[in-house]
Amino acid sequence: MNKVELSGFARLNEYLVKNSEGEQILRIEERSKGLSTRFLSTVRRSFEMVVFQGNREYIRLQKPFRLTNHKVDIHDDHSLLGSVEKSFIENRYIVRDKDQEPCFELSSRIVWARSFNIENMSREEVGVIEKKWPDNIKRLVKSDNFFGMKIDRELSVEYKKILLGAIILIDFIHFN
C-alpha cells in the first residue's frame, strides 16, 4: 500500500501532500473568487485548486457551484483525468475515469465519517482515506487538517491523481 498524508490550513486554503516518510511531494493552492463567495455559499460554492509538484502544475481540480450532488473534475494538462461525485443522501462518492466510467466507490457507514473505504467496481477494497485529528492542542488551535490515504501500489498514476481529488472534496464537504 502507498501511504500519503495531506495536511491543510483552512484559513489559507492550502494543502501539503507528504509521502509515508514525511517528505513533501505536492502543494495544493485554492484559486477561487472572493471571500464573500467562500463564506456565503459554503460547500455549494465553486472552487479551483491547483496541485504543484515543485513549481510545475501537476493537476487542477475544478468544482462547479452545486446545491446538491457535489462534484469535482480533475484535469491533467488541460485534459480530463476523471471526476468524483458525492451521492445526494449517503456518505458515498463515485469516482469516474476520463471516459466518465465508474472505477471506484468511496463509502462510509457513519454520517459524520472520518474514514472512507475505497473499493473498485468489483467490490474489492483497494484502500482507505482517513481524517486524522490533531495530536495536541497547539495543532487544534492552528486548525490544521490531516488526511491519510493508503492505496494499492498497483493503481495507475491517473487513478492516484483522481483519488487525491477525492480527498479534497471530502475535506471540503465534511470538514470545511
N, C-alpha and C. Protein backbone atom coordinates (compact mmCIF):
# COMPACT_ATOMS: atom_id res chain seq x y z
N MET A 1 0.83 -1.19 0.00
CA MET A 1 0.00 0.00 0.00
C MET A 1 0.87 1.25 0.00
N ASN A 2 0.52 2.21 -0.85
CA ASN A 2 1.13 3.53 -0.77
C ASN A 2 0.45 4.27 0.35
N LYS A 3 1.20 5.13 1.02
CA LYS A 3 0.62 5.93 2.09
C LYS A 3 0.95 7.39 1.80
N VAL A 4 -0.06 8.23 1.85
CA VAL A 4 0.10 9.66 1.60
C VAL A 4 -0.59 10.40 2.73
N GLU A 5 0.01 11.47 3.20
CA GLU A 5 -0.64 12.30 4.22
C GLU A 5 -0.88 13.68 3.63
N LEU A 6 -2.06 14.19 3.85
CA LEU A 6 -2.44 15.51 3.35
C LEU A 6 -2.75 16.38 4.54
N SER A 7 -2.11 17.53 4.60
CA SER A 7 -2.44 18.46 5.68
C SER A 7 -2.85 19.77 5.05
N GLY A 8 -3.83 20.40 5.64
CA GLY A 8 -4.34 21.64 5.07
C GLY A 8 -4.53 22.70 6.12
N PHE A 9 -4.54 23.92 5.68
CA PHE A 9 -4.73 25.06 6.54
C PHE A 9 -5.97 25.78 6.02
N ALA A 10 -7.10 25.56 6.72
CA ALA A 10 -8.40 26.05 6.23
C ALA A 10 -8.38 27.54 5.97
N ARG A 11 -7.74 28.32 6.82
CA ARG A 11 -7.76 29.76 6.65
C ARG A 11 -6.94 30.21 5.44
N LEU A 12 -5.97 29.41 5.02
CA LEU A 12 -5.13 29.76 3.88
C LEU A 12 -5.53 29.01 2.61
N ASN A 13 -6.36 27.99 2.76
CA ASN A 13 -6.77 27.16 1.63
C ASN A 13 -5.59 26.61 0.85
N GLU A 14 -4.66 26.08 1.61
CA GLU A 14 -3.51 25.41 1.04
C GLU A 14 -3.37 24.05 1.69
N TYR A 15 -2.82 23.12 0.94
CA TYR A 15 -2.56 21.79 1.47
C TYR A 15 -1.14 21.41 1.12
N LEU A 16 -0.55 20.57 1.95
CA LEU A 16 0.73 19.96 1.65
C LEU A 16 0.50 18.46 1.59
N VAL A 17 1.08 17.80 0.61
CA VAL A 17 0.95 16.36 0.48
C VAL A 17 2.33 15.76 0.75
N LYS A 18 2.36 14.83 1.71
CA LYS A 18 3.62 14.20 2.11
C LYS A 18 3.53 12.70 1.90
N ASN A 19 4.67 12.09 1.61
CA ASN A 19 4.70 10.63 1.47
C ASN A 19 4.84 10.00 2.84
N SER A 20 4.95 8.68 2.90
CA SER A 20 4.99 7.97 4.18
C SER A 20 6.24 8.28 4.99
N GLU A 21 7.28 8.82 4.35
CA GLU A 21 8.49 9.22 5.06
C GLU A 21 8.41 10.65 5.57
N GLY A 22 7.28 11.32 5.32
CA GLY A 22 7.12 12.69 5.78
C GLY A 22 7.69 13.75 4.85
N GLU A 23 8.13 13.35 3.66
CA GLU A 23 8.68 14.30 2.69
C GLU A 23 7.55 14.93 1.89
N GLN A 24 7.61 16.26 1.73
CA GLN A 24 6.59 16.95 0.94
C GLN A 24 6.77 16.59 -0.52
N ILE A 25 5.68 16.13 -1.16
CA ILE A 25 5.76 15.77 -2.58
C ILE A 25 4.90 16.67 -3.46
N LEU A 26 3.84 17.26 -2.87
CA LEU A 26 2.96 18.15 -3.63
C LEU A 26 2.50 19.30 -2.73
N ARG A 27 2.10 20.38 -3.37
CA ARG A 27 1.50 21.53 -2.69
C ARG A 27 0.23 21.88 -3.45
N ILE A 28 -0.85 22.19 -2.72
CA ILE A 28 -2.12 22.49 -3.35
C ILE A 28 -2.57 23.87 -2.91
N GLU A 29 -2.97 24.71 -3.87
CA GLU A 29 -3.45 26.06 -3.58
C GLU A 29 -4.83 26.25 -4.17
N GLU A 30 -5.73 26.83 -3.37
CA GLU A 30 -7.05 27.17 -3.88
C GLU A 30 -6.97 28.49 -4.62
N ARG A 31 -7.66 28.55 -5.75
CA ARG A 31 -7.76 29.78 -6.54
C ARG A 31 -9.23 30.03 -6.83
N SER A 32 -9.90 30.61 -5.87
CA SER A 32 -11.34 30.87 -6.01
C SER A 32 -11.59 32.36 -5.97
N LYS A 33 -12.78 32.73 -6.36
CA LYS A 33 -13.13 34.15 -6.43
C LYS A 33 -13.76 34.61 -5.13
N GLY A 34 -13.18 35.64 -4.54
CA GLY A 34 -13.79 36.38 -3.45
C GLY A 34 -14.05 35.67 -2.15
N LEU A 35 -13.77 36.35 -1.07
CA LEU A 35 -14.04 35.83 0.26
C LEU A 35 -15.52 35.71 0.53
N SER A 36 -16.32 36.63 0.00
CA SER A 36 -17.76 36.59 0.26
C SER A 36 -18.37 35.30 -0.29
N THR A 37 -17.91 34.85 -1.44
CA THR A 37 -18.40 33.60 -2.01
C THR A 37 -18.06 32.44 -1.09
N ARG A 38 -16.85 32.45 -0.54
CA ARG A 38 -16.42 31.38 0.36
C ARG A 38 -17.33 31.28 1.58
N PHE A 39 -17.68 32.42 2.16
CA PHE A 39 -18.44 32.40 3.41
C PHE A 39 -19.94 32.28 3.20
N LEU A 40 -20.47 32.83 2.12
CA LEU A 40 -21.91 32.81 1.91
C LEU A 40 -22.40 31.52 1.26
N SER A 41 -21.62 30.95 0.39
CA SER A 41 -22.07 29.76 -0.34
C SER A 41 -21.62 28.46 0.31
N THR A 42 -20.71 28.51 1.25
CA THR A 42 -20.16 27.35 1.97
C THR A 42 -19.85 26.21 1.00
N VAL A 43 -20.34 24.99 1.28
CA VAL A 43 -19.96 23.83 0.47
C VAL A 43 -20.57 23.85 -0.93
N ARG A 44 -21.54 24.67 -1.16
CA ARG A 44 -22.15 24.74 -2.50
C ARG A 44 -21.27 25.52 -3.48
N ARG A 45 -20.39 26.33 -2.97
CA ARG A 45 -19.61 27.23 -3.83
C ARG A 45 -18.68 26.48 -4.78
N SER A 46 -18.31 27.17 -5.82
CA SER A 46 -17.34 26.61 -6.76
C SER A 46 -15.93 26.88 -6.24
N PHE A 47 -14.98 26.10 -6.72
CA PHE A 47 -13.58 26.39 -6.43
C PHE A 47 -12.70 25.80 -7.51
N GLU A 48 -11.48 26.26 -7.52
CA GLU A 48 -10.44 25.69 -8.36
C GLU A 48 -9.21 25.51 -7.49
N MET A 49 -8.63 24.34 -7.52
CA MET A 49 -7.41 24.04 -6.77
C MET A 49 -6.35 23.64 -7.78
N VAL A 50 -5.15 24.16 -7.57
CA VAL A 50 -4.02 23.81 -8.42
C VAL A 50 -3.03 23.03 -7.57
N VAL A 51 -2.65 21.87 -8.08
CA VAL A 51 -1.69 20.99 -7.39
C VAL A 51 -0.34 21.17 -8.08
N PHE A 52 0.66 21.51 -7.28
CA PHE A 52 2.01 21.74 -7.79
C PHE A 52 2.95 20.63 -7.34
N GLN A 53 3.80 20.21 -8.27
CA GLN A 53 4.92 19.33 -7.94
C GLN A 53 6.15 20.19 -8.16
N GLY A 54 6.74 20.66 -7.07
CA GLY A 54 7.77 21.69 -7.17
C GLY A 54 7.10 22.98 -7.63
N ASN A 55 7.61 23.58 -8.69
CA ASN A 55 7.00 24.79 -9.25
C ASN A 55 6.12 24.49 -10.46
N ARG A 56 6.01 23.22 -10.83
CA ARG A 56 5.25 22.82 -12.02
C ARG A 56 3.83 22.42 -11.64
N GLU A 57 2.85 22.91 -12.44
CA GLU A 57 1.47 22.49 -12.22
C GLU A 57 1.35 21.01 -12.56
N TYR A 58 0.82 20.26 -11.60
CA TYR A 58 0.71 18.81 -11.73
C TYR A 58 -0.70 18.41 -12.17
N ILE A 59 -1.70 18.86 -11.42
CA ILE A 59 -3.10 18.67 -11.79
C ILE A 59 -3.91 19.87 -11.34
N ARG A 60 -5.13 19.97 -11.84
CA ARG A 60 -6.04 21.06 -11.50
C ARG A 60 -7.40 20.46 -11.15
N LEU A 61 -7.97 20.91 -10.03
CA LEU A 61 -9.27 20.43 -9.57
C LEU A 61 -10.28 21.54 -9.73
N GLN A 62 -11.42 21.24 -10.33
CA GLN A 62 -12.46 22.25 -10.52
C GLN A 62 -13.79 21.73 -10.00
N LYS A 63 -14.37 22.51 -9.08
CA LYS A 63 -15.68 22.17 -8.54
C LYS A 63 -16.66 23.25 -8.95
N PRO A 64 -17.70 22.91 -9.70
CA PRO A 64 -18.71 23.90 -10.06
C PRO A 64 -19.65 24.17 -8.89
N PHE A 65 -20.35 25.30 -8.93
CA PHE A 65 -21.38 25.60 -7.93
C PHE A 65 -22.48 24.56 -8.06
N ARG A 66 -22.87 23.96 -6.95
CA ARG A 66 -23.95 22.97 -6.95
C ARG A 66 -24.69 23.02 -5.63
N LEU A 67 -26.01 22.93 -5.70
CA LEU A 67 -26.81 22.87 -4.47
C LEU A 67 -26.70 21.50 -3.82
N THR A 68 -26.64 20.45 -4.63
CA THR A 68 -26.52 19.07 -4.15
C THR A 68 -25.58 18.32 -5.08
N ASN A 69 -25.36 17.05 -4.79
CA ASN A 69 -24.51 16.19 -5.63
C ASN A 69 -23.20 16.87 -6.00
N HIS A 70 -22.45 17.23 -5.00
CA HIS A 70 -21.18 17.93 -5.21
C HIS A 70 -20.23 17.09 -6.05
N LYS A 71 -19.50 17.76 -6.92
CA LYS A 71 -18.64 17.07 -7.88
C LYS A 71 -17.36 17.88 -8.08
N VAL A 72 -16.26 17.19 -8.26
CA VAL A 72 -15.00 17.83 -8.62
C VAL A 72 -14.46 17.10 -9.85
N ASP A 73 -13.97 17.89 -10.81
CA ASP A 73 -13.33 17.35 -12.01
C ASP A 73 -11.82 17.51 -11.84
N ILE A 74 -11.07 16.50 -12.24
CA ILE A 74 -9.61 16.51 -12.11
C ILE A 74 -9.02 16.54 -13.51
N HIS A 75 -8.19 17.57 -13.75
CA HIS A 75 -7.59 17.77 -15.08
C HIS A 75 -6.08 17.65 -15.00
N ASP A 76 -5.50 17.13 -16.06
CA ASP A 76 -4.06 16.99 -16.20
C ASP A 76 -3.69 17.59 -17.56
N ASP A 77 -2.91 18.64 -17.58
CA ASP A 77 -2.51 19.30 -18.84
C ASP A 77 -3.72 19.58 -19.74
N HIS A 78 -4.77 20.13 -19.17
CA HIS A 78 -5.98 20.56 -19.87
C HIS A 78 -6.84 19.43 -20.44
N SER A 79 -6.56 18.20 -20.03
CA SER A 79 -7.47 17.11 -20.41
C SER A 79 -8.06 16.51 -19.12
N LEU A 80 -9.27 16.03 -19.22
CA LEU A 80 -9.96 15.47 -18.07
C LEU A 80 -9.38 14.11 -17.71
N LEU A 81 -8.95 13.96 -16.44
CA LEU A 81 -8.48 12.67 -15.94
C LEU A 81 -9.63 11.86 -15.38
N GLY A 82 -10.57 12.56 -14.73
CA GLY A 82 -11.69 11.90 -14.12
C GLY A 82 -12.45 12.85 -13.22
N SER A 83 -13.38 12.30 -12.45
CA SER A 83 -14.19 13.13 -11.56
C SER A 83 -14.60 12.33 -10.33
N VAL A 84 -15.03 13.07 -9.32
CA VAL A 84 -15.54 12.46 -8.08
C VAL A 84 -16.84 13.18 -7.77
N GLU A 85 -17.90 12.40 -7.52
CA GLU A 85 -19.20 12.99 -7.23
C GLU A 85 -19.80 12.35 -5.99
N LYS A 86 -20.31 13.20 -5.09
CA LYS A 86 -20.95 12.73 -3.86
C LYS A 86 -22.40 12.37 -4.12
N SER A 87 -22.82 11.27 -3.54
CA SER A 87 -24.23 10.88 -3.58
C SER A 87 -25.05 11.93 -2.82
N PHE A 88 -26.28 12.11 -3.23
CA PHE A 88 -27.14 13.13 -2.63
C PHE A 88 -27.40 12.88 -1.15
N ILE A 89 -27.71 11.65 -0.77
CA ILE A 89 -28.10 11.37 0.61
C ILE A 89 -27.01 10.64 1.37
N GLU A 90 -26.43 9.62 0.81
CA GLU A 90 -25.48 8.76 1.50
C GLU A 90 -24.09 9.36 1.57
N ASN A 91 -23.27 8.83 2.47
CA ASN A 91 -21.85 9.16 2.52
C ASN A 91 -21.12 8.26 1.53
N ARG A 92 -21.42 8.49 0.26
CA ARG A 92 -20.87 7.66 -0.80
C ARG A 92 -20.42 8.57 -1.93
N TYR A 93 -19.26 8.26 -2.48
CA TYR A 93 -18.70 9.02 -3.60
C TYR A 93 -18.42 8.05 -4.73
N ILE A 94 -18.75 8.46 -5.95
CA ILE A 94 -18.44 7.68 -7.14
C ILE A 94 -17.27 8.35 -7.84
N VAL A 95 -16.24 7.57 -8.10
CA VAL A 95 -15.05 8.05 -8.80
C VAL A 95 -15.13 7.55 -10.23
N ARG A 96 -14.99 8.48 -11.17
CA ARG A 96 -15.10 8.13 -12.60
C ARG A 96 -13.79 8.44 -13.31
N ASP A 97 -13.50 7.65 -14.34
CA ASP A 97 -12.29 7.87 -15.13
C ASP A 97 -12.53 8.94 -16.20
N LYS A 98 -11.57 9.11 -17.09
CA LYS A 98 -11.66 10.16 -18.12
C LYS A 98 -12.84 9.97 -19.07
N ASP A 99 -13.31 8.73 -19.22
CA ASP A 99 -14.47 8.45 -20.06
C ASP A 99 -15.78 8.50 -19.27
N GLN A 100 -15.68 8.94 -18.02
CA GLN A 100 -16.81 9.04 -17.09
C GLN A 100 -17.42 7.68 -16.74
N GLU A 101 -16.60 6.64 -16.85
CA GLU A 101 -17.00 5.30 -16.42
C GLU A 101 -16.64 5.15 -14.94
N PRO A 102 -17.55 4.60 -14.12
CA PRO A 102 -17.23 4.41 -12.70
C PRO A 102 -16.04 3.47 -12.54
N CYS A 103 -15.09 3.83 -11.66
CA CYS A 103 -13.93 2.97 -11.42
C CYS A 103 -13.75 2.65 -9.94
N PHE A 104 -14.22 3.54 -9.05
CA PHE A 104 -14.14 3.30 -7.62
C PHE A 104 -15.38 3.86 -6.94
N GLU A 105 -15.63 3.32 -5.74
CA GLU A 105 -16.66 3.87 -4.87
C GLU A 105 -16.03 4.08 -3.50
N LEU A 106 -16.23 5.25 -2.94
CA LEU A 106 -15.78 5.57 -1.60
C LEU A 106 -17.00 5.62 -0.72
N SER A 107 -16.95 4.95 0.42
CA SER A 107 -18.14 4.95 1.26
C SER A 107 -17.78 4.86 2.73
N SER A 108 -18.72 5.34 3.53
CA SER A 108 -18.63 5.26 4.98
C SER A 108 -20.03 5.01 5.50
N ARG A 109 -20.13 4.19 6.51
CA ARG A 109 -21.44 3.88 7.08
C ARG A 109 -21.87 4.90 8.13
N ILE A 110 -20.95 5.76 8.54
CA ILE A 110 -21.23 6.73 9.60
C ILE A 110 -21.56 8.07 8.97
N VAL A 111 -22.56 8.76 9.50
CA VAL A 111 -22.99 10.05 8.94
C VAL A 111 -21.86 11.08 8.97
N TRP A 112 -21.22 11.28 10.13
CA TRP A 112 -20.12 12.23 10.23
C TRP A 112 -18.82 11.45 10.15
N ALA A 113 -18.55 10.93 8.99
CA ALA A 113 -17.46 9.99 8.77
C ALA A 113 -16.08 10.62 8.87
N ARG A 114 -15.15 9.82 9.38
CA ARG A 114 -13.74 10.19 9.38
C ARG A 114 -12.94 9.22 8.53
N SER A 115 -13.60 8.18 8.04
CA SER A 115 -12.91 7.16 7.27
C SER A 115 -13.79 6.71 6.11
N PHE A 116 -13.18 6.60 4.93
CA PHE A 116 -13.89 6.16 3.73
C PHE A 116 -13.12 5.00 3.10
N ASN A 117 -13.81 3.89 2.91
CA ASN A 117 -13.22 2.75 2.23
C ASN A 117 -13.24 3.01 0.72
N ILE A 118 -12.19 2.60 0.05
CA ILE A 118 -12.10 2.73 -1.40
C ILE A 118 -12.23 1.33 -1.99
N GLU A 119 -13.27 1.12 -2.80
CA GLU A 119 -13.48 -0.17 -3.44
C GLU A 119 -13.52 0.00 -4.95
N ASN A 120 -12.98 -0.99 -5.67
CA ASN A 120 -13.12 -0.96 -7.12
C ASN A 120 -14.54 -1.43 -7.47
N MET A 121 -14.88 -1.46 -8.71
CA MET A 121 -16.25 -1.78 -9.11
C MET A 121 -16.57 -3.27 -8.93
N SER A 122 -15.57 -4.09 -8.62
CA SER A 122 -15.80 -5.50 -8.27
C SER A 122 -15.98 -5.68 -6.77
N ARG A 123 -16.08 -4.56 -6.05
CA ARG A 123 -16.29 -4.52 -4.59
C ARG A 123 -15.08 -5.02 -3.80
N GLU A 124 -13.88 -4.95 -4.42
CA GLU A 124 -12.65 -5.30 -3.71
C GLU A 124 -12.06 -4.02 -3.11
N GLU A 125 -11.69 -4.08 -1.84
CA GLU A 125 -11.10 -2.91 -1.20
C GLU A 125 -9.69 -2.68 -1.73
N VAL A 126 -9.44 -1.45 -2.17
CA VAL A 126 -8.12 -1.10 -2.69
C VAL A 126 -7.46 0.00 -1.88
N GLY A 127 -8.14 0.47 -0.82
CA GLY A 127 -7.54 1.49 0.01
C GLY A 127 -8.52 2.11 0.97
N VAL A 128 -8.03 3.15 1.66
CA VAL A 128 -8.84 3.86 2.64
C VAL A 128 -8.35 5.31 2.73
N ILE A 129 -9.29 6.22 2.94
CA ILE A 129 -8.99 7.62 3.21
C ILE A 129 -9.46 7.89 4.63
N GLU A 130 -8.58 8.45 5.47
CA GLU A 130 -8.92 8.68 6.86
C GLU A 130 -8.60 10.11 7.29
N LYS A 131 -9.53 10.72 8.01
CA LYS A 131 -9.30 12.01 8.65
C LYS A 131 -8.53 11.73 9.92
N LYS A 132 -7.43 12.44 10.11
CA LYS A 132 -6.64 12.29 11.33
C LYS A 132 -6.79 13.55 12.14
N TRP A 133 -7.14 13.39 13.41
CA TRP A 133 -7.31 14.55 14.28
C TRP A 133 -5.97 14.96 14.85
N PRO A 134 -5.81 16.27 15.15
CA PRO A 134 -4.54 16.77 15.69
C PRO A 134 -4.14 16.04 16.97
N ASP A 135 -2.81 15.91 17.16
CA ASP A 135 -2.28 15.20 18.32
C ASP A 135 -2.28 16.06 19.58
N ASN A 136 -2.33 17.36 19.43
CA ASN A 136 -2.26 18.21 20.61
C ASN A 136 -3.05 19.50 20.43
N ILE A 137 -3.19 20.25 21.49
CA ILE A 137 -3.98 21.48 21.47
C ILE A 137 -3.38 22.51 20.51
N LYS A 138 -2.06 22.59 20.45
CA LYS A 138 -1.41 23.57 19.56
C LYS A 138 -1.87 23.35 18.12
N ARG A 139 -1.89 22.12 17.67
CA ARG A 139 -2.35 21.83 16.31
C ARG A 139 -3.83 22.13 16.15
N LEU A 140 -4.61 21.86 17.19
CA LEU A 140 -6.04 22.11 17.14
C LEU A 140 -6.32 23.61 16.96
N VAL A 141 -5.58 24.43 17.67
CA VAL A 141 -5.74 25.88 17.57
C VAL A 141 -5.35 26.37 16.18
N LYS A 142 -4.32 25.78 15.60
CA LYS A 142 -3.88 26.18 14.25
C LYS A 142 -4.86 25.72 13.18
N SER A 143 -5.81 24.88 13.53
CA SER A 143 -6.84 24.32 12.65
C SER A 143 -6.27 23.60 11.43
N ASP A 144 -5.21 22.85 11.64
CA ASP A 144 -4.67 22.01 10.58
C ASP A 144 -5.61 20.84 10.33
N ASN A 145 -5.69 20.42 9.10
CA ASN A 145 -6.45 19.24 8.74
C ASN A 145 -5.46 18.20 8.24
N PHE A 146 -5.58 16.97 8.73
CA PHE A 146 -4.70 15.90 8.29
C PHE A 146 -5.54 14.76 7.76
N PHE A 147 -5.19 14.29 6.58
CA PHE A 147 -5.82 13.12 6.00
C PHE A 147 -4.73 12.13 5.64
N GLY A 148 -5.05 10.87 5.79
CA GLY A 148 -4.16 9.83 5.33
C GLY A 148 -4.86 9.03 4.26
N MET A 149 -4.10 8.59 3.28
CA MET A 149 -4.67 7.73 2.23
C MET A 149 -3.72 6.57 2.04
N LYS A 150 -4.24 5.37 2.21
CA LYS A 150 -3.49 4.16 1.92
C LYS A 150 -4.16 3.51 0.73
N ILE A 151 -3.38 3.29 -0.32
CA ILE A 151 -3.95 2.70 -1.54
C ILE A 151 -3.03 1.62 -2.09
N ASP A 152 -3.60 0.75 -2.89
CA ASP A 152 -2.87 -0.32 -3.54
C ASP A 152 -1.78 0.28 -4.43
N ARG A 153 -0.56 -0.19 -4.28
CA ARG A 153 0.57 0.31 -5.08
C ARG A 153 0.36 0.10 -6.58
N GLU A 154 -0.44 -0.88 -6.93
CA GLU A 154 -0.64 -1.23 -8.34
C GLU A 154 -1.55 -0.25 -9.08
N LEU A 155 -2.22 0.65 -8.37
CA LEU A 155 -3.10 1.61 -9.05
C LEU A 155 -2.28 2.52 -9.94
N SER A 156 -2.85 2.91 -11.07
CA SER A 156 -2.14 3.78 -12.01
C SER A 156 -1.98 5.18 -11.42
N VAL A 157 -1.04 5.92 -11.95
CA VAL A 157 -0.80 7.30 -11.52
C VAL A 157 -2.06 8.13 -11.73
N GLU A 158 -2.78 7.89 -12.82
CA GLU A 158 -4.02 8.64 -13.09
C GLU A 158 -5.05 8.40 -12.01
N TYR A 159 -5.20 7.15 -11.58
CA TYR A 159 -6.16 6.85 -10.51
C TYR A 159 -5.73 7.51 -9.19
N LYS A 160 -4.44 7.52 -8.93
CA LYS A 160 -3.94 8.16 -7.71
C LYS A 160 -4.22 9.66 -7.73
N LYS A 161 -4.09 10.28 -8.89
CA LYS A 161 -4.39 11.71 -9.02
C LYS A 161 -5.88 11.97 -8.77
N ILE A 162 -6.73 11.12 -9.31
CA ILE A 162 -8.17 11.28 -9.13
C ILE A 162 -8.54 11.10 -7.65
N LEU A 163 -7.92 10.12 -6.98
CA LEU A 163 -8.21 9.89 -5.57
C LEU A 163 -7.71 11.05 -4.70
N LEU A 164 -6.68 11.73 -5.12
CA LEU A 164 -6.26 12.95 -4.42
C LEU A 164 -7.38 13.99 -4.50
N GLY A 165 -8.01 14.09 -5.65
CA GLY A 165 -9.17 14.98 -5.80
C GLY A 165 -10.30 14.57 -4.87
N ALA A 166 -10.45 13.26 -4.64
CA ALA A 166 -11.49 12.77 -3.72
C ALA A 166 -11.23 13.26 -2.30
N ILE A 167 -9.97 13.24 -1.87
CA ILE A 167 -9.63 13.73 -0.52
C ILE A 167 -10.03 15.19 -0.37
N ILE A 168 -9.72 15.99 -1.39
CA ILE A 168 -10.03 17.42 -1.33
C ILE A 168 -11.54 17.61 -1.23
N LEU A 169 -12.32 16.89 -2.03
CA LEU A 169 -13.77 17.03 -1.99
C LEU A 169 -14.33 16.58 -0.64
N ILE A 170 -13.82 15.49 -0.10
CA ILE A 170 -14.26 15.02 1.23
C ILE A 170 -13.95 16.08 2.29
N ASP A 171 -12.76 16.62 2.27
CA ASP A 171 -12.41 17.67 3.24
C ASP A 171 -13.34 18.86 3.08
N PHE A 172 -13.58 19.26 1.86
CA PHE A 172 -14.41 20.42 1.58
C PHE A 172 -15.84 20.23 2.09
N ILE A 173 -16.42 19.06 1.84
CA ILE A 173 -17.82 18.82 2.21
C ILE A 173 -17.99 18.50 3.69
N HIS A 174 -17.10 17.70 4.25
CA HIS A 174 -17.30 17.22 5.61
C HIS A 174 -16.58 18.04 6.69
N PHE A 175 -15.49 18.72 6.34
CA PHE A 175 -14.67 19.33 7.39
C PHE A 175 -14.36 20.80 7.16
N ASN A 176 -14.88 21.40 6.12
CA ASN A 176 -14.57 22.79 5.82
C ASN A 176 -15.43 23.74 6.63
